[in-house]
Every structure is written in structure tokens, then in C-alpha cells.
Amino acid sequence: MYYEINEETARRANDMNSMRDYRPGSATAEYRAAVDEAAALVERCKQKVSPFYHEKLDALLDRYARRLAAYYNDYYRNEAACPSILISGGSNFPVRKKEKQNSRRETLMHEYNEIQGILSKIKSVGTGPIDFSDPHAREMLVERVESAKALHESKKQANAYYRKHKTLDGCPGITEKDREWLTRPGVFAKGDGSPLALYGVPFPAYDLQRDTANIRSYAARLEEYDRLQARCDADTDTEFDGGRIVRNVEQNRLQILFDGKPDEEIRAALKSSGFRWSPKNQAWQRQLTRNAEAAARQALNLTAAPSVPAPEEQAEAAPQEIAPVEYADTDDCLQYSIPGV
């Protein structure tokens, strides 16, 4: 998990900028402490998401460790390139060399910020719409629907309890922290008062409407998943003159495989329809959706309907809705000091 930090360069960087003696191993220790915190973040994220995402989290952690080590070594190399004026004195001070060093410092700062952005990517893994290629996708979709319904029902019960008792004390499902927030005092004109002060109920109508919208969104995703699974089980490949269309459920991709290189007109049509060439799979592909099916047939001038449509496809399809992103807890943010600062 760790990468090597050049201790000799770190020592020279210290001697060029400080009167204090360098403590051997301190650069490596600082780097490893940062990687350890990132690794702890990854472990917390693994507890919250499907095992399907664990490999991706490990890859992001390795990228973070590798790039952070490269940054540390580049930083110390730059700091060792020119001494501080407090160390060398003002006589014959290499001004031009110091200017180049300062310019490089700015570049390294941008690099450091990009590396810290990997931590945000780690926290976001598995928190957005569920990937249909996840082997546990259906289980998670069902869980989201049921959780959203349970939350909506608990809010309705809290409203009914308050209307009856004129208090939230003893309300089932409402914790002390929830009760303090829902009944907090505030200034009405500033809009920071409690829902009770503003609307007369703990959970106003707009909140309940948002819940029902989420339930419909999750249910639509579940129906879309079942529809795609049924179609793929009934008709995996669609042959056409010069190739075939493959519904790759494992990779969640609709793939078009040609017997030879398609002409420029077809390639342009595929690109405009959202398809991209995958050297790895040797196929033109995009995410496996109903829209992708329609786009593929239009780009290839195939007007015939699928040979074995799923039963759900014969009825009017519900509009596809994308589940809103659920962001990770903010208390997982990590703070780092920049080496040498």
C-alpha cells in the first residue's frame, strides 16, 4: 500500500530551509500517516456499500498512495533545489533559481489539491444510482424502495402524533436529536425557524411530496432493471447484416460488434448516439438502457422491433427516472498538512 519516500532528498530539503536538524524517517512517517487515514476512510466506506464497489475503492486508495508519494518526492526535490535566503545569506543569492522554485511550488500545490480530490471520489463511490452490473443490484434497489416507504410512513405518523398530542415528546421513531431540530426556535423572516413554527407540523407537505417522488424514482429504477433482465434473458444477441448487438448484463453495456470496420457514416452515427469504441471489448458500446437500444437501431437503420420483447415492454413504459445522489457523511473528510509548510 505504501510507496517509497526519498529520505535523502527530504533531508537536503530540510537543510536548505531550516536551522533545525532533520529527524530521520520523518518524511516517510508523515506520508504513511496520510495514507493510513485514507485507508481508514476506505474501510468505513466499505461498510456502507456493496462488495461490488470494494475493488474500486482499493484501486482509488492505491492511486492516492502512489500519487501522494510522487508528490512528496517532487516537493522535497524542489525544496532542495535552492536554499532559503535565511540559510545562504543575501550575497550572490540565486534570484532566478528561486523564482523557478517558487513557480514549481505553485504547480505542486495544484497537484496536491488534485490528489486530495481522490478522497472525495472515495467517499462518493456507491452513493449514487445503483449500477445494474452489480450482482446485488436488485437487492439494493428493493431495499431502497422499502427504506423510502418506511421513512415516508414514519413522517406521516409523526405528523398525526403531533396533531393529536400537540407535542413530539414520546413520539415513536423520533429521537431526542430529531425532536430538538424539529422544534428549534428561529426567526421566521430569515426562514431558519423550525418546521413546526413555519408550517404547524413536523414534516410539511413539500417534504412528504419529495419522499413520494423518491419512492417513484426508486421503483422506476427497479422496474427498469427487471425489464432489462427479462429482455436479456429472452434475447441476448440481435443479429444484423455485418454484425450483432449484444446485451452485456455483467458489464451493464449494450455492445455492437461488427464483422469488420464500419464505414465512416455509421461510425459518425454511433458517436452522435452516445456510443464509444472500447478497445478492451472490441465493440461500440454505451450503458444498457432502453434508450441505448433505440439509438443503436436508429444508427444501424434497423427498424424491426426486438424479436422477443419482455412482457412489461408490451405495456406503456414508465418514464425513466434517475435516483438522486446520496452524499456520504461530511464527518469523513480528512485534513492534511502540506509537507514542508
Protein backbone atom coordinates (compact mmCIF):
# COMPACT_ATOMS: atom_id res chain seq x y z
CA MET A 1 0.00 0.00 0.00
CA TYR A 2 2.93 2.34 0.69
CA TYR A 3 5.35 3.75 -1.84
CA GLU A 4 8.92 4.84 -1.19
CA ILE A 5 9.79 8.32 0.04
CA ASN A 6 13.32 9.51 -0.70
CA GLU A 7 14.65 10.31 2.78
CA GLU A 8 17.94 11.73 1.50
CA THR A 9 16.10 14.30 -0.64
CA ALA A 10 13.85 15.14 2.31
CA ARG A 11 16.91 15.71 4.49
CA ARG A 12 18.50 18.04 1.91
CA ALA A 13 15.23 19.95 1.60
CA ASN A 14 15.19 20.43 5.38
CA ASP A 15 18.81 21.62 5.44
CA MET A 16 18.11 24.11 2.64
CA ASN A 17 15.20 25.71 4.51
CA SER A 18 15.66 25.19 8.25
CA MET A 19 18.24 25.58 11.00
CA ARG A 20 16.84 22.51 12.75
CA ASP A 21 18.36 19.08 12.25
CA TYR A 22 16.38 16.64 10.15
CA ARG A 23 14.73 13.82 12.07
CA PRO A 24 15.45 10.60 10.11
CA GLY A 25 12.34 8.89 8.79
CA SER A 26 10.04 11.83 9.48
CA ALA A 27 9.11 12.34 5.82
CA THR A 28 8.17 8.67 5.42
CA ALA A 29 6.23 8.73 8.69
CA GLU A 30 4.23 11.79 7.60
CA TYR A 31 3.42 10.20 4.25
CA ARG A 32 2.36 6.89 5.80
CA ALA A 33 0.15 8.65 8.35
CA ALA A 34 -1.73 10.33 5.48
CA VAL A 35 -2.13 7.00 3.65
CA ASP A 36 -3.31 5.32 6.85
CA GLU A 37 -6.07 7.92 7.26
CA ALA A 38 -7.14 7.36 3.66
CA ALA A 39 -7.14 3.60 4.25
CA ALA A 40 -9.35 4.08 7.31
CA LEU A 41 -11.75 6.12 5.18
CA VAL A 42 -11.86 3.33 2.61
CA GLU A 43 -12.69 0.77 5.31
CA ARG A 44 -15.54 2.97 6.58
CA CYS A 45 -16.87 3.31 3.04
CA LYS A 46 -16.70 -0.46 2.51
CA GLN A 47 -19.03 -0.91 5.48
CA LYS A 48 -21.65 1.24 3.76
CA VAL A 49 -21.58 -0.01 0.16
CA SER A 50 -21.97 -3.25 -1.77
CA PRO A 51 -18.93 -5.57 -2.10
CA PHE A 52 -19.23 -4.80 -5.82
CA TYR A 53 -17.51 -1.46 -5.14
CA HIS A 54 -14.73 -2.76 -2.88
CA GLU A 55 -12.28 -3.35 -5.72
CA LYS A 56 -12.85 0.19 -6.98
CA LEU A 57 -12.23 1.59 -3.50
CA ASP A 58 -8.97 -0.36 -3.23
CA ALA A 59 -7.88 0.94 -6.64
CA LEU A 60 -8.59 4.54 -5.58
CA LEU A 61 -6.62 4.01 -2.37
CA ASP A 62 -3.65 2.68 -4.34
CA ARG A 63 -3.85 5.65 -6.73
CA TYR A 64 -3.93 8.03 -3.77
CA ALA A 65 -0.90 6.39 -2.12
CA ARG A 66 1.09 6.32 -5.38
CA ARG A 67 0.37 9.91 -6.38
CA LEU A 68 0.92 11.22 -2.86
CA ALA A 69 4.35 9.56 -2.73
CA ALA A 70 5.24 11.11 -6.09
CA TYR A 71 4.10 14.49 -4.79
CA TYR A 72 6.20 14.21 -1.62
CA ASN A 73 9.32 13.28 -3.58
CA ASP A 74 8.75 16.08 -6.11
CA TYR A 75 8.12 18.55 -3.30
CA TYR A 76 11.30 17.70 -1.44
CA ARG A 77 13.31 17.67 -4.67
CA ASN A 78 12.09 21.18 -5.46
CA GLU A 79 12.77 22.43 -1.93
CA ALA A 80 16.32 21.06 -2.14
CA ALA A 81 16.98 22.85 -5.43
CA CYS A 82 17.54 26.31 -3.93
CA PRO A 83 18.32 27.40 -0.37
CA SER A 84 16.34 29.89 1.65
CA ILE A 85 17.89 33.34 1.85
CA LEU A 86 17.93 32.91 5.63
CA ILE A 87 20.26 29.94 5.17
CA SER A 88 22.53 31.19 2.37
CA GLY A 89 22.51 34.91 3.07
CA GLY A 90 21.87 37.70 0.58
CA SER A 91 25.29 37.78 -1.07
CA ASN A 92 25.16 36.36 -4.62
CA PHE A 93 21.72 34.89 -3.90
CA PRO A 94 20.38 32.93 -6.98
CA VAL A 95 17.28 35.04 -7.60
CA ARG A 96 16.38 33.41 -10.93
CA LYS A 97 16.71 29.95 -9.44
CA LYS A 98 14.46 30.95 -6.53
CA GLU A 99 11.84 32.27 -8.99
CA LYS A 100 11.81 28.93 -10.79
CA GLN A 101 11.48 27.16 -7.46
CA ASN A 102 8.50 29.33 -6.47
CA SER A 103 6.83 28.68 -9.82
CA ARG A 104 7.27 24.96 -9.31
CA ARG A 105 5.75 25.29 -5.84
CA GLU A 106 2.53 26.62 -7.38
CA THR A 107 2.38 23.70 -9.81
CA LEU A 108 2.92 21.25 -6.98
CA MET A 109 0.15 22.89 -4.97
CA HIS A 110 -2.30 22.23 -7.83
CA GLU A 111 -1.09 18.64 -7.93
CA TYR A 112 -1.62 18.29 -4.17
CA ASN A 113 -5.19 19.58 -4.44
CA GLU A 114 -5.93 17.08 -7.22
CA ILE A 115 -4.60 14.25 -5.07
CA GLN A 116 -6.85 15.29 -2.17
CA GLY A 117 -9.74 15.19 -4.64
CA ILE A 118 -9.29 11.40 -4.75
CA LEU A 119 -10.59 11.33 -1.18
CA SER A 120 -13.83 12.89 -2.39
CA LYS A 121 -14.10 10.22 -5.08
CA ILE A 122 -13.61 7.55 -2.41
CA LYS A 123 -16.48 8.97 -0.35
CA SER A 124 -18.79 9.13 -3.37
CA VAL A 125 -18.27 5.50 -4.52
CA GLY A 126 -21.52 3.56 -4.29
CA THR A 127 -23.59 6.53 -3.10
CA GLY A 128 -25.17 7.41 -6.45
CA PRO A 129 -27.63 5.46 -8.62
CA ILE A 130 -27.12 1.71 -8.27
CA ASP A 131 -25.05 0.14 -11.03
CA PHE A 132 -27.09 -2.53 -12.83
CA SER A 133 -23.95 -4.62 -13.30
CA ASP A 134 -23.70 -5.10 -9.53
CA PRO A 135 -24.72 -8.71 -8.76
CA HIS A 136 -26.62 -7.36 -5.74
CA ALA A 137 -28.32 -4.61 -7.74
CA ARG A 138 -31.87 -5.91 -7.36
CA GLU A 139 -31.49 -6.48 -3.62
CA MET A 140 -30.22 -2.92 -3.13
CA LEU A 141 -32.96 -1.45 -5.33
CA VAL A 142 -35.64 -3.29 -3.33
CA GLU A 143 -34.00 -2.12 -0.09
CA ARG A 144 -34.03 1.49 -1.28
CA VAL A 145 -37.71 1.32 -2.18
CA GLU A 146 -38.64 -0.25 1.16
CA SER A 147 -36.48 2.20 3.15
CA ALA A 148 -38.00 5.19 1.36
CA LYS A 149 -41.51 3.89 2.05
CA ALA A 150 -40.69 3.29 5.73
CA LEU A 151 -39.26 6.81 6.10
CA HIS A 152 -42.31 8.33 4.43
CA GLU A 153 -44.66 6.39 6.70
CA SER A 154 -42.73 7.39 9.85
CA LYS A 155 -43.05 11.08 8.90
CA LYS A 156 -46.80 10.73 8.38
CA GLN A 157 -47.13 9.04 11.77
CA ALA A 158 -45.12 11.83 13.42
CA ASN A 159 -47.46 14.44 11.91
CA ALA A 160 -50.50 12.51 13.16
CA TYR A 161 -48.95 12.16 16.64
CA TYR A 162 -48.30 15.90 16.85
CA ARG A 163 -51.80 16.83 15.72
CA LYS A 164 -53.21 14.61 18.45
CA HIS A 165 -50.84 15.43 21.34
CA LYS A 166 -49.52 18.89 20.32
CA THR A 167 -46.02 17.69 21.19
CA LEU A 168 -43.38 15.33 19.88
CA ASP A 169 -42.41 14.09 23.34
CA GLY A 170 -42.72 10.31 23.32
CA CYS A 171 -43.35 10.13 19.56
CA PRO A 172 -42.22 6.71 18.24
CA GLY A 173 -39.29 6.93 15.83
CA ILE A 174 -38.33 10.50 16.83
CA THR A 175 -35.01 10.69 18.66
CA GLU A 176 -34.09 13.43 21.08
CA LYS A 177 -31.80 14.97 18.46
CA ASP A 178 -34.59 14.92 15.86
CA ARG A 179 -37.03 16.49 18.32
CA GLU A 180 -34.61 19.32 19.16
CA TRP A 181 -34.12 20.12 15.48
CA LEU A 182 -37.81 19.93 14.59
CA THR A 183 -38.79 22.23 17.47
CA ARG A 184 -35.82 24.60 17.42
CA PRO A 185 -36.54 28.32 17.84
CA GLY A 186 -35.79 30.67 14.99
CA VAL A 187 -36.63 33.89 13.22
CA PHE A 188 -39.49 33.43 10.77
CA ALA A 189 -38.36 36.26 8.48
CA LYS A 190 -34.98 34.60 7.98
CA GLY A 191 -36.56 31.25 7.21
CA ASP A 192 -34.49 29.44 9.86
CA GLY A 193 -37.33 28.56 12.21
CA SER A 194 -38.43 25.02 12.92
CA PRO A 195 -40.92 23.26 10.61
CA LEU A 196 -43.42 23.43 13.47
CA ALA A 197 -43.07 27.21 13.71
CA LEU A 198 -43.28 27.68 9.95
CA TYR A 199 -45.85 25.06 8.92
CA GLY A 200 -47.52 23.78 12.06
CA VAL A 201 -46.39 20.17 11.51
CA PRO A 202 -43.02 18.39 11.95
CA PHE A 203 -42.90 17.35 8.29
CA PRO A 204 -44.64 19.74 5.88
CA ALA A 205 -46.34 18.78 2.62
CA TYR A 206 -43.35 19.56 0.41
CA ASP A 207 -41.21 17.15 2.47
CA LEU A 208 -43.73 14.33 2.07
CA GLN A 209 -44.06 15.08 -1.65
CA ARG A 210 -40.30 14.81 -2.02
CA ASP A 211 -40.42 11.41 -0.33
CA THR A 212 -43.11 10.14 -2.70
CA ALA A 213 -41.06 11.38 -5.66
CA ASN A 214 -38.06 9.44 -4.37
CA ILE A 215 -40.19 6.31 -3.93
CA ARG A 216 -41.43 6.58 -7.52
CA SER A 217 -37.88 7.15 -8.72
CA TYR A 218 -36.51 4.08 -6.93
CA ALA A 219 -39.48 1.97 -8.08
CA ALA A 220 -38.90 3.08 -11.68
CA ARG A 221 -35.26 2.04 -11.43
CA LEU A 222 -36.33 -1.36 -10.09
CA GLU A 223 -38.82 -1.79 -12.95
CA GLU A 224 -36.14 -0.77 -15.44
CA TYR A 225 -33.75 -3.35 -14.00
CA ASP A 226 -36.36 -6.13 -14.18
CA ARG A 227 -37.27 -5.10 -17.72
CA LEU A 228 -33.66 -5.24 -18.89
CA GLN A 229 -33.07 -8.55 -17.15
CA ALA A 230 -36.16 -10.07 -18.79
CA ARG A 231 -35.13 -8.83 -22.22
CA CYS A 232 -31.57 -10.06 -21.85
CA ASP A 233 -32.76 -13.47 -20.67
CA ALA A 234 -35.10 -13.75 -23.65
CA ASP A 235 -32.88 -12.32 -26.37
CA THR A 236 -29.18 -11.89 -25.63
CA ASP A 237 -27.97 -11.13 -29.15
CA THR A 238 -29.60 -9.45 -32.14
CA GLU A 239 -28.05 -10.33 -35.47
CA PHE A 240 -27.90 -7.82 -38.32
CA ASP A 241 -26.14 -7.71 -41.65
CA GLY A 242 -22.46 -7.24 -40.79
CA GLY A 243 -22.56 -7.81 -37.05
CA ARG A 244 -24.66 -8.25 -33.93
CA ILE A 245 -25.99 -6.36 -30.91
CA VAL A 246 -25.06 -7.87 -27.54
CA ARG A 247 -26.76 -7.04 -24.26
CA ASN A 248 -23.93 -7.50 -21.79
CA VAL A 249 -25.64 -7.55 -18.41
CA GLU A 250 -22.44 -8.26 -16.45
CA GLN A 251 -20.85 -5.03 -17.70
CA ASN A 252 -24.17 -3.16 -17.98
CA ARG A 253 -23.36 -2.30 -21.59
CA LEU A 254 -25.18 -2.52 -24.89
CA GLN A 255 -22.44 -3.57 -27.30
CA ILE A 256 -22.35 -3.54 -31.10
CA LEU A 257 -19.87 -5.97 -32.63
CA PHE A 258 -19.11 -5.61 -36.34
CA ASP A 259 -17.60 -8.30 -38.58
CA GLY A 260 -15.30 -5.62 -39.97
CA LYS A 261 -14.63 -1.93 -39.53
CA PRO A 262 -17.87 0.02 -40.14
CA ASP A 263 -17.83 2.84 -42.66
CA GLU A 264 -17.39 6.45 -41.63
CA GLU A 265 -21.11 7.26 -41.85
CA ILE A 266 -22.06 4.51 -39.40
CA ARG A 267 -19.23 5.47 -37.04
CA ALA A 268 -20.42 9.06 -37.05
CA ALA A 269 -24.00 7.93 -36.36
CA LEU A 270 -22.86 5.78 -33.45
CA LYS A 271 -20.81 8.60 -31.93
CA SER A 272 -23.71 11.04 -32.21
CA SER A 273 -25.91 8.44 -30.48
CA GLY A 274 -23.60 8.18 -27.47
CA PHE A 275 -21.70 5.02 -28.45
CA ARG A 276 -17.95 4.88 -27.91
CA TRP A 277 -15.36 2.41 -29.17
CA SER A 278 -13.97 0.09 -26.47
CA PRO A 279 -10.57 -1.33 -27.43
CA LYS A 280 -10.81 -3.72 -24.48
CA ASN A 281 -14.11 -5.26 -25.61
CA GLN A 282 -13.57 -4.60 -29.33
CA ALA A 283 -17.07 -3.18 -29.51
CA TRP A 284 -19.03 0.04 -29.81
CA GLN A 285 -20.92 0.38 -26.54
CA ARG A 286 -22.87 2.52 -24.10
CA GLN A 287 -24.84 1.91 -20.92
CA LEU A 288 -27.51 -0.75 -21.24
CA THR A 289 -30.84 1.12 -21.32
CA ARG A 290 -33.97 1.23 -23.45
CA ASN A 291 -32.73 4.49 -24.97
CA ALA A 292 -29.49 2.75 -25.95
CA GLU A 293 -31.47 0.03 -27.74
CA ALA A 294 -33.45 2.61 -29.71
CA ALA A 295 -30.30 4.63 -30.50
CA ALA A 296 -28.48 1.50 -31.76
CA ARG A 297 -31.33 0.55 -34.09
CA GLN A 298 -31.58 4.08 -35.42
CA ALA A 299 -27.81 4.35 -36.02
CA LEU A 300 -27.79 0.97 -37.80
CA ASN A 301 -31.04 1.65 -39.71
CA LEU A 302 -32.75 -1.32 -38.04
CA THR A 303 -36.48 -0.68 -37.89
CA ALA A 304 -37.64 -4.10 -36.71
CA ALA A 305 -38.69 -4.49 -33.10
CA PRO A 306 -36.81 -6.85 -30.78
CA SER A 307 -37.61 -10.48 -31.56
CA VAL A 308 -38.76 -11.45 -28.02
CA PRO A 309 -39.83 -8.39 -26.03
CA ALA A 310 -40.32 -8.74 -22.32
CA PRO A 311 -43.98 -8.82 -21.21
CA GLU A 312 -43.53 -5.50 -19.43
CA GLU A 313 -42.48 -3.88 -22.70
CA GLN A 314 -45.92 -4.52 -24.19
CA ALA A 315 -47.46 -2.11 -21.70
CA GLU A 316 -46.81 1.57 -21.66
CA ALA A 317 -43.36 2.07 -20.15
CA ALA A 318 -42.94 4.35 -17.21
CA PRO A 319 -40.54 7.25 -17.76
CA GLN A 320 -37.05 6.53 -16.60
CA GLU A 321 -36.02 8.50 -13.55
CA ILE A 322 -32.57 8.65 -12.08
CA ALA A 323 -32.30 8.19 -8.35
CA PRO A 324 -30.88 11.26 -6.58
CA VAL A 325 -27.31 11.05 -5.36
CA GLU A 326 -26.91 10.33 -1.67
CA TYR A 327 -23.75 12.01 -0.41
CA ALA A 328 -21.50 10.50 2.17
CA ASP A 329 -21.32 11.85 5.70
CA THR A 330 -19.28 15.05 5.92
CA ASP A 331 -17.53 13.89 9.06
CA ASP A 332 -15.44 11.53 6.94
CA CYS A 333 -13.49 14.47 5.50
CA LEU A 334 -9.76 14.30 6.09
CA GLN A 335 -7.43 17.17 6.78
CA TYR A 336 -3.78 17.10 5.78
CA SER A 337 -0.88 19.44 6.28
CA ILE A 338 1.30 20.11 3.29
CA PRO A 339 4.83 18.78 3.86
CA GLY A 340 7.41 21.43 4.40
CA VAL A 341 4.87 24.18 5.17
